[in-house]
């Protein structure tokens, strides 16, 4: 049994011990904090953190596809431009950037010169604070157009013999999706067409040539030698060059056509 008269003394001892223990614990925590490594918080690449007042805003990004067509006026639409001022697009020499003025500040035009993956850098000011960020885009060639043969206004593959007096047209058709997306860029033309005929057992002979100036639809005359040839004579229409006329009036040769793809064959009867 503990003498009740000792209770005040024991209470003072217990409180003193507790205070000393707490003080020692606080010292230990302080020492631990002093040796703790600083932590780095990584913000997402597409966010901008404003310290005062505290808020996070999404940086303007391209809306829609990030695939651009080389040597074409690609219209870029950016979101979240409200609140930003002095918005700029910074690229290397492979790009030509054209800001669109007027009532469409969110729209810009960019013309890539080469294919591949490229980085577009942006800068803007928000609440008097400048910000910089970047975005990766893929630049590809426009889809290859196709060559079509029309005989007497009917599309054909040349497998059926045709009369020697037939009206023959060679047409360069752009990819329909590309033409719908960029009608001003989907203008293809032919430089010239050579007419070759198998008049003997030897190699085909060039019997006519048609020069063209900026046309995608070409009327081809077979020539006198074909009209005087025997039935069953094979005729080849060789396209010498296909090119695309851009909206900037640049002539871009399309060299993706093989020798076989540049030849349209038919047989006369």
C-alpha atoms as a PDB file:
ATOM      1  CA  UNK A   1       0.000   0.000   0.000  1.00  0.00           C
ATOM      2  CA  UNK A   2       1.218   3.520  -0.960  1.00  0.00           C
ATOM      3  CA  UNK A   3       0.862   6.163   1.659  1.00  0.00           C
ATOM      4  CA  UNK A   4      -1.751   8.675   0.445  1.00  0.00           C
ATOM      5  CA  UNK A   5       0.378  11.512   1.725  1.00  0.00           C
ATOM      6  CA  UNK A   6       2.933  10.702  -1.018  1.00  0.00           C
ATOM      7  CA  UNK A   7       0.472  11.203  -3.944  1.00  0.00           C
ATOM      8  CA  UNK A   8       1.311  14.890  -4.569  1.00  0.00           C
ATOM      9  CA  UNK A   9       5.014  14.124  -4.690  1.00  0.00           C
ATOM     10  CA  UNK A  10       4.528  11.197  -7.098  1.00  0.00           C
ATOM     11  CA  UNK A  11       2.304  13.310  -9.381  1.00  0.00           C
ATOM     12  CA  UNK A  12       5.036  15.967  -9.692  1.00  0.00           C
ATOM     13  CA  UNK A  13       7.612  13.285 -10.542  1.00  0.00           C
ATOM     14  CA  UNK A  14       5.377  11.726 -13.219  1.00  0.00           C
ATOM     15  CA  UNK A  15       4.594  15.089 -14.865  1.00  0.00           C
ATOM     16  CA  UNK A  16       8.261  16.069 -14.855  1.00  0.00           C
ATOM     17  CA  UNK A  17       9.249  12.799 -16.507  1.00  0.00           C
ATOM     18  CA  UNK A  18       6.529  13.199 -19.190  1.00  0.00           C
ATOM     19  CA  UNK A  19       7.668  16.709 -20.069  1.00  0.00           C
ATOM     20  CA  UNK A  20      11.272  15.597 -20.350  1.00  0.00           C
ATOM     21  CA  UNK A  21      10.279  12.672 -22.569  1.00  0.00           C
ATOM     22  CA  UNK A  22       8.193  14.903 -24.860  1.00  0.00           C
ATOM     23  CA  UNK A  23      10.985  17.438 -25.145  1.00  0.00           C
ATOM     24  CA  UNK A  24      13.475  14.730 -26.037  1.00  0.00           C
ATOM     25  CA  UNK A  25      11.083  13.375 -28.678  1.00  0.00           C
ATOM     26  CA  UNK A  26      10.696  16.814 -30.238  1.00  0.00           C
ATOM     27  CA  UNK A  27      14.438  17.173 -30.478  1.00  0.00           C
ATOM     28  CA  UNK A  28      14.651  13.819 -32.240  1.00  0.00           C
ATOM     29  CA  UNK A  29      11.995  14.852 -34.789  1.00  0.00           C
ATOM     30  CA  UNK A  30      13.816  18.117 -35.474  1.00  0.00           C
ATOM     31  CA  UNK A  31      17.024  16.205 -36.118  1.00  0.00           C
ATOM     32  CA  UNK A  32      15.225  13.851 -38.489  1.00  0.00           C
ATOM     33  CA  UNK A  33      13.694  16.745 -40.435  1.00  0.00           C
ATOM     34  CA  UNK A  34      17.046  18.455 -40.701  1.00  0.00           C
ATOM     35  CA  UNK A  35      18.557  15.421 -42.420  1.00  0.00           C
ATOM     36  CA  UNK A  36      15.527  14.614 -44.650  1.00  0.00           C
ATOM     37  CA  UNK A  37      16.119  14.907 -48.417  1.00  0.00           C
ATOM     38  CA  UNK A  38      13.976  17.544 -50.218  1.00  0.00           C
ATOM     39  CA  UNK A  39      11.156  16.096 -52.324  1.00  0.00           C
ATOM     40  CA  UNK A  40      10.556  17.014 -55.959  1.00  0.00           C
ATOM     41  CA  UNK A  41       6.972  17.116 -57.225  1.00  0.00           C
ATOM     42  CA  UNK A  42       6.660  16.515 -60.969  1.00  0.00           C
ATOM     43  CA  UNK A  43       3.724  18.266 -62.656  1.00  0.00           C
ATOM     44  CA  UNK A  44       2.142  16.748 -65.771  1.00  0.00           C
ATOM     45  CA  UNK A  45       3.557  18.151 -68.996  1.00  0.00           C
ATOM     46  CA  UNK A  46       0.236  19.610 -70.117  1.00  0.00           C
ATOM     47  CA  UNK A  47      -0.481  21.638 -66.978  1.00  0.00           C
ATOM     48  CA  UNK A  48       0.559  25.073 -65.765  1.00  0.00           C
ATOM     49  CA  UNK A  49       0.615  25.775 -62.020  1.00  0.00           C
ATOM     50  CA  UNK A  50      -0.175  29.309 -60.876  1.00  0.00           C
ATOM     51  CA  UNK A  51       1.073  29.963 -57.345  1.00  0.00           C
ATOM     52  CA  UNK A  52      -1.030  33.037 -56.563  1.00  0.00           C
ATOM     53  CA  UNK A  53      -3.925  32.479 -56.508  1.00  0.00           C
ATOM     54  CA  UNK A  54      -3.301  28.699 -56.403  1.00  0.00           C
ATOM     55  CA  UNK A  55      -4.767  26.988 -59.480  1.00  0.00           C
ATOM     56  CA  UNK A  56      -3.806  24.569 -62.233  1.00  0.00           C
ATOM     57  CA  UNK A  57      -4.675  25.375 -65.857  1.00  0.00           C
ATOM     58  CA  UNK A  58      -4.415  23.093 -68.882  1.00  0.00           C
ATOM     59  CA  UNK A  59      -1.941  24.359 -71.433  1.00  0.00           C
ATOM     60  CA  UNK A  60      -3.368  24.972 -74.923  1.00  0.00           C
ATOM     61  CA  UNK A  61      -3.128  21.861 -77.079  1.00  0.00           C
ATOM     62  CA  UNK A  62      -3.958  20.927 -80.632  1.00  0.00           C
ATOM     63  CA  UNK A  63      -7.527  19.727 -80.957  1.00  0.00           C
ATOM     64  CA  UNK A  64      -8.051  16.660 -83.119  1.00  0.00           C
ATOM     65  CA  UNK A  65      -5.393  14.689 -84.956  1.00  0.00           C
ATOM     66  CA  UNK A  66      -1.715  15.430 -84.404  1.00  0.00           C
ATOM     67  CA  UNK A  67      -0.843  14.061 -87.848  1.00  0.00           C
ATOM     68  CA  UNK A  68       0.143  16.775 -90.322  1.00  0.00           C
ATOM     69  CA  UNK A  69       0.656  16.583 -94.085  1.00  0.00           C
ATOM     70  CA  UNK A  70       3.965  17.683 -95.569  1.00  0.00           C
ATOM     71  CA  UNK A  71       3.937  20.729 -97.868  1.00  0.00           C
ATOM     72  CA  UNK A  72       0.295  21.443 -97.002  1.00  0.00           C
ATOM     73  CA  UNK A  73      -1.428  24.234 -95.092  1.00  0.00           C
ATOM     74  CA  UNK A  74      -2.489  22.329 -91.968  1.00  0.00           C
ATOM     75  CA  UNK A  75      -5.022  24.235 -89.878  1.00  0.00           C
ATOM     76  CA  UNK A  76      -4.425  23.766 -86.157  1.00  0.00           C
ATOM     77  CA  UNK A  77      -7.114  24.520 -83.610  1.00  0.00           C
ATOM     78  CA  UNK A  78      -6.005  25.108 -80.031  1.00  0.00           C
ATOM     79  CA  UNK A  79      -8.099  24.812 -76.907  1.00  0.00           C
ATOM     80  CA  UNK A  80      -7.795  26.788 -73.652  1.00  0.00           C
ATOM     81  CA  UNK A  81      -6.313  29.925 -75.208  1.00  0.00           C
ATOM     82  CA  UNK A  82      -8.649  32.122 -73.173  1.00  0.00           C
ATOM     83  CA  UNK A  83      -6.707  33.900 -70.468  1.00  0.00           C
ATOM     84  CA  UNK A  84      -3.383  33.517 -72.298  1.00  0.00           C
ATOM     85  CA  UNK A  85      -1.797  36.405 -74.150  1.00  0.00           C
ATOM     86  CA  UNK A  86       1.077  36.689 -76.605  1.00  0.00           C
ATOM     87  CA  UNK A  87       0.605  33.066 -77.685  1.00  0.00           C
ATOM     88  CA  UNK A  88       3.394  31.988 -80.070  1.00  0.00           C
ATOM     89  CA  UNK A  89       4.353  28.845 -81.979  1.00  0.00           C
ATOM     90  CA  UNK A  90       8.081  28.241 -82.314  1.00  0.00           C
ATOM     91  CA  UNK A  91       9.438  25.655 -84.739  1.00  0.00           C
ATOM     92  CA  UNK A  92      12.595  24.884 -86.632  1.00  0.00           C
ATOM     93  CA  UNK A  93      13.294  25.703 -90.271  1.00  0.00           C
ATOM     94  CA  UNK A  94      11.219  22.712 -91.401  1.00  0.00           C
ATOM     95  CA  UNK A  95       7.994  24.590 -90.630  1.00  0.00           C
ATOM     96  CA  UNK A  96       6.265  27.728 -91.854  1.00  0.00           C
ATOM     97  CA  UNK A  97       3.813  29.109 -89.280  1.00  0.00           C
ATOM     98  CA  UNK A  98       0.966  31.388 -90.349  1.00  0.00           C
ATOM     99  CA  UNK A  99      -1.231  32.911 -87.598  1.00  0.00           C
ATOM    100  CA  UNK A 100      -4.869  33.356 -88.587  1.00  0.00           C
ATOM    101  CA  UNK A 101      -6.160  36.808 -87.693  1.00  0.00           C
ATOM    102  CA  UNK A 102      -9.676  38.101 -87.224  1.00  0.00           C
ATOM    103  CA  UNK A 103     -12.344  36.275 -85.271  1.00  0.00           C
ATOM    104  CA  UNK A 104     -10.485  32.942 -85.097  1.00  0.00           C
ATOM    105  CA  UNK A 105      -7.565  33.431 -82.667  1.00  0.00           C
ATOM    106  CA  UNK A 106      -7.609  29.734 -81.760  1.00  0.00           C
ATOM    107  CA  UNK A 107      -6.732  28.718 -85.333  1.00  0.00           C
ATOM    108  CA  UNK A 108      -3.227  28.702 -86.788  1.00  0.00           C
ATOM    109  CA  UNK A 109      -1.802  27.334 -90.028  1.00  0.00           C
ATOM    110  CA  UNK A 110       1.445  25.421 -90.236  1.00  0.00           C
ATOM    111  CA  UNK A 111       3.241  24.080 -93.315  1.00  0.00           C
ATOM    112  CA  UNK A 112       5.785  21.296 -92.634  1.00  0.00           C
ATOM    113  CA  UNK A 113       8.458  20.809 -95.271  1.00  0.00           C
ATOM    114  CA  UNK A 114       9.689  17.347 -94.280  1.00  0.00           C
ATOM    115  CA  UNK A 115       8.144  14.165 -92.902  1.00  0.00           C
ATOM    116  CA  UNK A 116       8.868  12.527 -89.548  1.00  0.00           C
ATOM    117  CA  UNK A 117       8.216  13.300 -85.893  1.00  0.00           C
ATOM    118  CA  UNK A 118       8.760  16.931 -84.958  1.00  0.00           C
ATOM    119  CA  UNK A 119       8.475  18.993 -81.786  1.00  0.00           C
ATOM    120  CA  UNK A 120       6.428  22.182 -81.774  1.00  0.00           C
ATOM    121  CA  UNK A 121       7.291  24.643 -78.993  1.00  0.00           C
ATOM    122  CA  UNK A 122       4.815  27.131 -77.569  1.00  0.00           C
ATOM    123  CA  UNK A 123       5.084  30.228 -75.423  1.00  0.00           C
ATOM    124  CA  UNK A 124       2.392  32.388 -73.836  1.00  0.00           C
ATOM    125  CA  UNK A 125       1.807  34.776 -70.971  1.00  0.00           C
ATOM    126  CA  UNK A 126      -0.718  34.212 -68.194  1.00  0.00           C
ATOM    127  CA  UNK A 127      -1.160  36.685 -65.325  1.00  0.00           C
ATOM    128  CA  UNK A 128       2.015  38.487 -66.491  1.00  0.00           C
ATOM    129  CA  UNK A 129       3.986  35.238 -66.097  1.00  0.00           C
ATOM    130  CA  UNK A 130       5.615  33.685 -69.222  1.00  0.00           C
ATOM    131  CA  UNK A 131       5.224  29.956 -69.841  1.00  0.00           C
ATOM    132  CA  UNK A 132       6.786  27.528 -72.314  1.00  0.00           C
ATOM    133  CA  UNK A 133       5.760  24.003 -73.273  1.00  0.00           C
ATOM    134  CA  UNK A 134       5.995  21.652 -76.264  1.00  0.00           C
ATOM    135  CA  UNK A 135       4.085  19.036 -78.236  1.00  0.00           C
ATOM    136  CA  UNK A 136       5.114  16.285 -80.663  1.00  0.00           C
ATOM    137  CA  UNK A 137       3.426  15.918 -84.056  1.00  0.00           C
ATOM    138  CA  UNK A 138       3.852  13.407 -86.868  1.00  0.00           C
ATOM    139  CA  UNK A 139       4.282  14.703 -90.429  1.00  0.00           C
ATOM    140  CA  UNK A 140       3.434  12.361 -93.301  1.00  0.00           C
ATOM    141  CA  UNK A 141       3.078  12.577 -97.060  1.00  0.00           C
ATOM    142  CA  UNK A 142      -0.417  13.149 -98.473  1.00  0.00           C
ATOM    143  CA  UNK A 143      -2.036   9.912 -99.661  1.00  0.00           C
ATOM    144  CA  UNK A 144      -0.925   8.846-103.123  1.00  0.00           C
ATOM    145  CA  UNK A 145      -3.463   9.643-105.852  1.00  0.00           C
ATOM    146  CA  UNK A 146      -4.730   6.996-108.243  1.00  0.00           C
ATOM    147  CA  UNK A 147      -4.693   6.770-112.053  1.00  0.00           C
ATOM    148  CA  UNK A 148      -7.958   6.057-113.843  1.00  0.00           C
ATOM    149  CA  UNK A 149      -8.676   5.264-117.500  1.00  0.00           C
ATOM    150  CA  UNK A 150     -11.902   6.368-119.192  1.00  0.00           C
ATOM    151  CA  UNK A 151     -12.895   5.160-122.649  1.00  0.00           C
ATOM    152  CA  UNK A 152     -15.909   6.839-124.219  1.00  0.00           C
ATOM    153  CA  UNK A 153     -16.784   8.366-120.813  1.00  0.00           C
ATOM    154  CA  UNK A 154     -16.782   4.974-119.086  1.00  0.00           C
ATOM    155  CA  UNK A 155     -14.230   3.930-116.493  1.00  0.00           C
ATOM    156  CA  UNK A 156     -12.360   0.792-117.505  1.00  0.00           C
ATOM    157  CA  UNK A 157      -9.296  -1.232-116.616  1.00  0.00           C
ATOM    158  CA  UNK A 158      -8.298  -1.659-120.286  1.00  0.00           C
ATOM    159  CA  UNK A 159      -8.942  -5.394-120.356  1.00  0.00           C
ATOM    160  CA  UNK A 160     -11.676  -5.153-123.036  1.00  0.00           C
ATOM    161  CA  UNK A 161     -10.568  -4.249-126.603  1.00  0.00           C
ATOM    162  CA  UNK A 162     -11.784  -0.818-127.718  1.00  0.00           C
ATOM    163  CA  UNK A 163     -12.359   0.793-131.136  1.00  0.00           C
ATOM    164  CA  UNK A 164      -9.392   2.713-132.546  1.00  0.00           C
ATOM    165  CA  UNK A 165     -11.491   5.868-132.727  1.00  0.00           C
ATOM    166  CA  UNK A 166     -12.452   5.769-129.048  1.00  0.00           C
ATOM    167  CA  UNK A 167     -12.217   8.892-126.901  1.00  0.00           C
ATOM    168  CA  UNK A 168      -9.569   8.095-124.299  1.00  0.00           C
ATOM    169  CA  UNK A 169      -9.046  10.038-121.072  1.00  0.00           C
ATOM    170  CA  UNK A 170      -6.444   9.515-118.354  1.00  0.00           C
ATOM    171  CA  UNK A 171      -7.417  10.984-115.004  1.00  0.00           C
ATOM    172  CA  UNK A 172      -5.450  11.552-111.781  1.00  0.00           C
ATOM    173  CA  UNK A 173      -7.777  11.195-108.786  1.00  0.00           C
ATOM    174  CA  UNK A 174      -6.734  12.414-105.289  1.00  0.00           C
ATOM    175  CA  UNK A 175      -7.521  10.376-102.220  1.00  0.00           C
ATOM    176  CA  UNK A 176     -11.160  11.219-101.366  1.00  0.00           C
ATOM    177  CA  UNK A 177     -10.518  11.750 -97.646  1.00  0.00           C
ATOM    178  CA  UNK A 178      -7.540  14.003 -98.329  1.00  0.00           C
ATOM    179  CA  UNK A 179      -9.517  15.946-100.949  1.00  0.00           C
ATOM    180  CA  UNK A 180     -12.375  16.471 -98.501  1.00  0.00           C
ATOM    181  CA  UNK A 181     -10.013  17.608 -95.728  1.00  0.00           C
ATOM    182  CA  UNK A 182      -7.767  19.846 -97.850  1.00  0.00           C
ATOM    183  CA  UNK A 183      -9.419  20.620-101.197  1.00  0.00           C
ATOM    184  CA  UNK A 184      -6.941  23.428-101.926  1.00  0.00           C
ATOM    185  CA  UNK A 185      -4.025  21.005-101.535  1.00  0.00           C
ATOM    186  CA  UNK A 186      -5.434  18.038-103.486  1.00  0.00           C
ATOM    187  CA  UNK A 187      -4.717  19.351-106.977  1.00  0.00           C
ATOM    188  CA  UNK A 188      -2.763  16.853-109.089  1.00  0.00           C
ATOM    189  CA  UNK A 189      -1.578  17.249-112.659  1.00  0.00           C
ATOM    190  CA  UNK A 190       0.295  15.387-115.386  1.00  0.00           C
ATOM    191  CA  UNK A 191       3.210  16.803-117.347  1.00  0.00           C
ATOM    192  CA  UNK A 192       2.912  14.630-120.462  1.00  0.00           C
ATOM    193  CA  UNK A 193       1.793  11.225-121.723  1.00  0.00           C
ATOM    194  CA  UNK A 194       3.615   9.080-124.274  1.00  0.00           C
ATOM    195  CA  UNK A 195       1.668   6.669-126.475  1.00  0.00           C
ATOM    196  CA  UNK A 196       3.516   3.422-127.225  1.00  0.00           C
ATOM    197  CA  UNK A 197       2.229   0.646-129.489  1.00  0.00           C
ATOM    198  CA  UNK A 198       3.288  -2.962-130.090  1.00  0.00           C
ATOM    199  CA  UNK A 199       3.416  -2.661-133.902  1.00  0.00           C
ATOM    200  CA  UNK A 200       5.784  -5.584-134.448  1.00  0.00           C
ATOM    201  CA  UNK A 201       7.535  -8.393-132.600  1.00  0.00           C
ATOM    202  CA  UNK A 202      10.054  -5.905-131.252  1.00  0.00           C
ATOM    203  CA  UNK A 203       9.683  -3.612-128.234  1.00  0.00           C
ATOM    204  CA  UNK A 204       6.831  -1.078-128.142  1.00  0.00           C
ATOM    205  CA  UNK A 205       7.335   1.989-130.313  1.00  0.00           C
ATOM    206  CA  UNK A 206       6.529   5.549-129.315  1.00  0.00           C
ATOM    207  CA  UNK A 207       3.886   6.721-131.779  1.00  0.00           C
ATOM    208  CA  UNK A 208       2.565   9.902-130.135  1.00  0.00           C
ATOM    209  CA  UNK A 209       3.089  12.273-127.207  1.00  0.00           C
ATOM    210  CA  UNK A 210       0.631  14.551-125.447  1.00  0.00           C
ATOM    211  CA  UNK A 211       1.945  17.558-123.513  1.00  0.00           C
ATOM    212  CA  UNK A 212      -0.219  18.817-120.694  1.00  0.00           C
ATOM    213  CA  UNK A 213      -0.206  22.078-118.758  1.00  0.00           C
ATOM    214  CA  UNK A 214      -1.676  21.756-115.292  1.00  0.00           C
ATOM    215  CA  UNK A 215      -4.433  19.247-116.010  1.00  0.00           C
ATOM    216  CA  UNK A 216      -5.485  16.185-114.073  1.00  0.00           C
ATOM    217  CA  UNK A 217      -7.860  15.004-116.822  1.00  0.00           C
ATOM    218  CA  UNK A 218      -6.082  14.434-120.147  1.00  0.00           C
ATOM    219  CA  UNK A 219      -7.540  13.571-123.545  1.00  0.00           C
ATOM    220  CA  UNK A 220      -5.159  11.184-125.301  1.00  0.00           C
ATOM    221  CA  UNK A 221      -5.011  10.834-129.085  1.00  0.00           C
ATOM    222  CA  UNK A 222      -3.657   7.417-130.106  1.00  0.00           C
ATOM    223  CA  UNK A 223      -2.187   8.706-133.357  1.00  0.00           C
ATOM    224  CA  UNK A 224      -2.272   7.652-137.002  1.00  0.00           C
ATOM    225  CA  UNK A 225      -0.053   4.593-136.582  1.00  0.00           C
ATOM    226  CA  UNK A 226      -2.407   3.046-134.034  1.00  0.00           C
ATOM    227  CA  UNK A 227      -5.472   3.784-136.174  1.00  0.00           C
ATOM    228  CA  UNK A 228      -3.759   2.011-139.102  1.00  0.00           C
ATOM    229  CA  UNK A 229      -2.552  -0.934-137.013  1.00  0.00           C
ATOM    230  CA  UNK A 230      -4.022  -4.428-137.088  1.00  0.00           C
ATOM    231  CA  UNK A 231      -6.765  -5.442-134.627  1.00  0.00           C
ATOM    232  CA  UNK A 232      -5.418  -6.716-131.332  1.00  0.00           C
ATOM    233  CA  UNK A 233      -2.557  -4.213-131.201  1.00  0.00           C
ATOM    234  CA  UNK A 234      -1.524  -3.460-127.639  1.00  0.00           C
ATOM    235  CA  UNK A 235      -1.216   0.224-126.676  1.00  0.00           C
ATOM    236  CA  UNK A 236       0.476   1.643-123.595  1.00  0.00           C
ATOM    237  CA  UNK A 237      -0.105   5.130-122.214  1.00  0.00           C
ATOM    238  CA  UNK A 238       2.936   6.142-120.176  1.00  0.00           C
ATOM    239  CA  UNK A 239       2.572   9.031-117.721  1.00  0.00           C
ATOM    240  CA  UNK A 240       5.911  10.813-117.481  1.00  0.00           C
ATOM    241  CA  UNK A 241       5.320  12.742-114.249  1.00  0.00           C
ATOM    242  CA  UNK A 242       2.605  13.385-111.678  1.00  0.00           C
ATOM    243  CA  UNK A 243       2.852  16.433-109.452  1.00  0.00           C
ATOM    244  CA  UNK A 244       0.745  18.255-106.873  1.00  0.00           C
ATOM    245  CA  UNK A 245       0.143  21.993-107.032  1.00  0.00           C
ATOM    246  CA  UNK A 246      -0.087  23.303-103.474  1.00  0.00           C
ATOM    247  CA  UNK A 247      -2.198  26.181-102.190  1.00  0.00           C
ATOM    248  CA  UNK A 248       1.045  28.205-102.107  1.00  0.00           C
ATOM    249  CA  UNK A 249       1.440  27.515-105.870  1.00  0.00           C
ATOM    250  CA  UNK A 250       4.374  25.173-105.316  1.00  0.00           C
ATOM    251  CA  UNK A 251       4.819  22.247-107.659  1.00  0.00           C
ATOM    252  CA  UNK A 252       5.625  19.060-105.702  1.00  0.00           C
ATOM    253  CA  UNK A 253       6.527  16.036-107.877  1.00  0.00           C
ATOM    254  CA  UNK A 254       5.014  12.773-106.644  1.00  0.00           C
ATOM    255  CA  UNK A 255       7.761  10.205-107.182  1.00  0.00           C
ATOM    256  CA  UNK A 256       5.976   7.360-105.406  1.00  0.00           C
ATOM    257  CA  UNK A 257       4.627   5.932-108.680  1.00  0.00           C
ATOM    258  CA  UNK A 258       6.563   2.963-109.996  1.00  0.00           C
ATOM    259  CA  UNK A 259       7.193   2.413-113.717  1.00  0.00           C
ATOM    260  CA  UNK A 260       4.357  -0.095-113.823  1.00  0.00           C
ATOM    261  CA  UNK A 261       1.930   2.247-112.042  1.00  0.00           C
ATOM    262  CA  UNK A 262       2.654   5.019-114.544  1.00  0.00           C
ATOM    263  CA  UNK A 263       1.564   2.848-117.505  1.00  0.00           C
ATOM    264  CA  UNK A 264      -2.052   2.324-118.520  1.00  0.00           C
ATOM    265  CA  UNK A 265      -2.571  -0.448-121.104  1.00  0.00           C
ATOM    266  CA  UNK A 266      -5.353  -1.170-123.557  1.00  0.00           C
ATOM    267  CA  UNK A 267      -5.977  -3.158-126.734  1.00  0.00           C
ATOM    268  CA  UNK A 268      -7.575  -1.821-129.939  1.00  0.00           C
ATOM    269  CA  UNK A 269      -9.872  -3.787-132.231  1.00  0.00           C
END
